[in-house]
C-alpha cells in the first residue's frame, strides 16, 4: 500500500495528463457533438511476382497531387539535375498509369508518358549521353512503349 507507482504507469486522472478525448467529462453520455466513426481501411501493399507492389486502399488523386507538388518544389529549388527528379517523375508516371487503369481513360497514359520523358531528360542532363546506356533509362523507355500500347487499346475501345 505504501508503494507509489511511477508517474508513467499512473492512469491519466492520477498523473494529471490530459485524456485522449478532450470532450470527456464535459457532456453527459449521449449528449454533445456526435462524431460519426468513419471506417477507414488501412493502406497495404501486395507484393507481385514481377518485383513490383500493388497498393490497396489508397487515394491516387491525393498521391498524384502530393507527388506533383514535391516534384515542382524540387525542380524550382534545385533544378532538373537533382538526383530525386527521375525517381519522383517515375513514381508520378506509375500513379498516372494506375489512375488510367482505374478510371478507364487514355488521357492519363499521356501524362504518364510525359513524366517518363521528363525523368529521362533529367537523367540525360545529369549524366549526358552515358545515361542512355544505364539500365534504368532503358527500362523507362520500355515502359513508355508499354504505356503507348495500353493507350492505343483504350482508344480502340473508345475510352
Protein backbone atom coordinates (compact mmCIF):
# COMPACT_ATOMS: atom_id res chain seq x y z
CA UNK A 1 0.00 0.00 0.00
CA UNK A 2 2.85 2.40 0.66
CA UNK A 3 4.39 1.71 -2.73
CA UNK A 4 3.78 4.56 -5.23
CA UNK A 5 3.63 3.74 -8.91
CA UNK A 6 5.90 5.69 -11.24
CA UNK A 7 4.19 8.62 -12.98
CA UNK A 8 4.35 6.91 -16.37
CA UNK A 9 2.31 3.96 -15.16
CA UNK A 10 -0.37 6.00 -13.40
CA UNK A 11 -3.74 6.46 -15.09
CA UNK A 12 -4.32 9.84 -16.75
CA UNK A 13 -6.62 11.10 -13.98
CA UNK A 14 -3.96 10.38 -11.33
CA UNK A 15 -0.99 11.80 -13.23
CA UNK A 16 -2.78 14.97 -14.32
CA UNK A 17 -2.22 14.17 -18.00
CA UNK A 18 -4.95 15.06 -20.43
CA UNK A 19 -7.08 12.20 -21.73
CA UNK A 20 -7.27 11.42 -25.43
CA UNK A 21 -10.85 12.72 -25.71
CA UNK A 22 -10.93 16.43 -24.81
CA UNK A 23 -14.74 16.34 -24.51
CA UNK A 24 -14.70 13.54 -21.94
CA UNK A 25 -16.40 14.71 -18.77
CA UNK A 26 -17.89 17.88 -20.31
CA UNK A 27 -21.09 16.34 -21.61
CA UNK A 28 -23.36 13.68 -20.18
CA UNK A 29 -23.33 10.37 -22.06
CA UNK A 30 -25.44 10.69 -25.21
CA UNK A 31 -25.20 14.49 -25.28
CA UNK A 32 -22.86 16.84 -27.09
CA UNK A 33 -21.36 16.57 -30.54
CA UNK A 34 -21.61 13.13 -32.01
CA UNK A 35 -18.71 12.21 -34.22
CA UNK A 36 -19.57 9.56 -36.76
CA UNK A 37 -16.97 6.86 -36.71
CA UNK A 38 -15.71 6.62 -40.25
CA UNK A 39 -14.37 3.20 -41.03
CA UNK A 40 -11.08 3.69 -42.79
CA UNK A 41 -9.48 0.66 -44.30
CA UNK A 42 -5.76 0.65 -43.78
CA UNK A 43 -3.33 1.04 -46.63
CA UNK A 44 -1.35 -2.05 -47.54
CA UNK A 45 0.82 -3.23 -50.41
CA UNK A 46 0.58 -6.59 -52.14
CA UNK A 47 3.88 -7.91 -53.44
CA UNK A 48 3.65 -9.04 -57.06
CA UNK A 49 5.79 -11.78 -58.66
CA UNK A 50 7.38 -9.26 -61.05
CA UNK A 51 9.03 -7.39 -58.16
CA UNK A 52 6.52 -4.54 -58.02
CA UNK A 53 3.96 -3.91 -55.31
CA UNK A 54 0.24 -3.25 -55.76
CA UNK A 55 -1.25 -0.68 -53.35
CA UNK A 56 -4.68 -1.26 -51.84
CA UNK A 57 -6.99 1.28 -50.16
CA UNK A 58 -5.12 4.32 -51.42
CA UNK A 59 -6.30 7.56 -52.98
CA UNK A 60 -4.39 8.08 -56.22
CA UNK A 61 -5.67 11.65 -56.67
CA UNK A 62 -4.23 12.65 -53.32
CA UNK A 63 -0.95 10.89 -54.08
CA UNK A 64 -0.71 12.48 -57.54
CA UNK A 65 -1.26 15.95 -56.09
CA UNK A 66 1.42 15.29 -53.45
CA UNK A 67 3.96 13.97 -56.00
CA UNK A 68 3.31 16.86 -58.40
CA UNK A 69 3.81 19.42 -55.64
CA UNK A 70 7.00 17.75 -54.46
CA UNK A 71 8.37 17.44 -57.99
CA UNK A 72 7.63 21.10 -58.74
CA UNK A 73 9.28 22.16 -55.48
CA UNK A 74 12.42 20.15 -56.18
CA UNK A 75 12.70 21.43 -59.76
CA UNK A 76 12.03 25.04 -58.65
CA UNK A 77 14.60 24.91 -55.83
CA UNK A 78 17.31 22.61 -57.20
CA UNK A 79 16.66 22.26 -60.94
CA UNK A 80 16.01 19.23 -63.10
CA UNK A 81 19.52 17.92 -62.40
CA UNK A 82 18.69 16.98 -58.82
CA UNK A 83 19.05 13.26 -58.02
CA UNK A 84 15.44 12.86 -56.86
CA UNK A 85 13.80 14.20 -60.03
CA UNK A 86 13.95 10.98 -62.11
CA UNK A 87 12.67 8.87 -59.21
CA UNK A 88 9.83 11.24 -58.42
CA UNK A 89 8.83 11.59 -62.07
CA UNK A 90 8.84 7.82 -62.48
CA UNK A 91 6.69 7.43 -59.35
CA UNK A 92 4.28 10.01 -60.74
CA UNK A 93 4.15 8.05 -64.02
CA UNK A 94 3.19 4.90 -62.10
CA UNK A 95 0.43 6.79 -60.31
CA UNK A 96 -0.94 8.12 -63.62
CA UNK A 97 -0.78 4.61 -65.09
CA UNK A 98 -2.74 3.29 -62.10
CA UNK A 99 -5.30 6.08 -62.41
CA UNK A 100 -5.72 5.41 -66.14
CA UNK A 101 -6.42 1.76 -65.38
CA UNK A 102 -8.91 2.56 -62.63
CA UNK A 103 -10.81 5.29 -64.44
CA UNK A 104 -10.50 3.74 -67.92
CA UNK A 105 -9.33 6.99 -69.53
CA UNK A 106 -6.50 7.15 -72.04
CA UNK A 107 -5.56 10.76 -71.26
CA UNK A 108 -3.73 9.66 -68.10
CA UNK A 109 -1.42 7.47 -70.17
CA UNK A 110 -0.25 10.64 -71.94
CA UNK A 111 0.59 12.20 -68.59
CA UNK A 112 2.44 9.05 -67.51
CA UNK A 113 4.47 9.07 -70.73
CA UNK A 114 5.27 12.76 -70.25
CA UNK A 115 6.51 12.04 -66.73
CA UNK A 116 8.80 9.28 -68.02
CA UNK A 117 10.12 11.59 -70.75
CA UNK A 118 10.86 14.20 -68.09
CA UNK A 119 12.65 11.60 -65.94
CA UNK A 120 14.78 10.56 -68.92
CA UNK A 121 15.51 14.18 -69.79
CA UNK A 122 16.63 14.80 -66.21
CA UNK A 123 18.92 11.76 -66.30
CA UNK A 124 20.35 12.92 -69.63
CA UNK A 125 21.05 16.38 -68.19
CA UNK A 126 22.78 14.87 -65.15
CA UNK A 127 24.88 12.25 -66.94
CA UNK A 128 25.00 13.21 -70.58
CA UNK A 129 24.82 10.62 -73.36
CA UNK A 130 26.03 7.94 -70.95
CA UNK A 131 22.55 7.97 -69.38
CA UNK A 132 21.16 6.15 -72.41
CA UNK A 133 23.29 3.10 -71.55
CA UNK A 134 22.01 2.88 -67.96
CA UNK A 135 19.52 0.02 -67.48
CA UNK A 136 17.13 2.27 -65.55
CA UNK A 137 16.93 4.63 -68.53
CA UNK A 138 16.26 1.69 -70.86
CA UNK A 139 13.55 0.34 -68.51
CA UNK A 140 11.79 3.71 -68.71
CA UNK A 141 11.96 3.54 -72.50
CA UNK A 142 10.37 0.08 -72.44
CA UNK A 143 7.73 1.35 -70.00
CA UNK A 144 6.89 4.21 -72.38
CA UNK A 145 6.33 1.68 -75.16
CA UNK A 146 4.07 -0.38 -72.93
CA UNK A 147 2.07 2.73 -71.98
CA UNK A 148 1.72 3.65 -75.67
CA UNK A 149 0.27 0.20 -76.35
CA UNK A 150 -2.12 0.49 -73.40
CA UNK A 151 -3.22 3.90 -74.64
CA UNK A 152 -3.83 2.54 -78.15
CA UNK A 153 -6.01 -0.26 -76.73
CA UNK A 154 -8.03 2.23 -74.66
CA UNK A 155 -8.54 4.46 -77.69
CA UNK A 156 -9.62 1.45 -79.75
CA UNK A 157 -12.24 0.71 -77.09
CA UNK A 158 -13.40 4.32 -77.26
CA UNK A 159 -12.25 5.25 -73.77
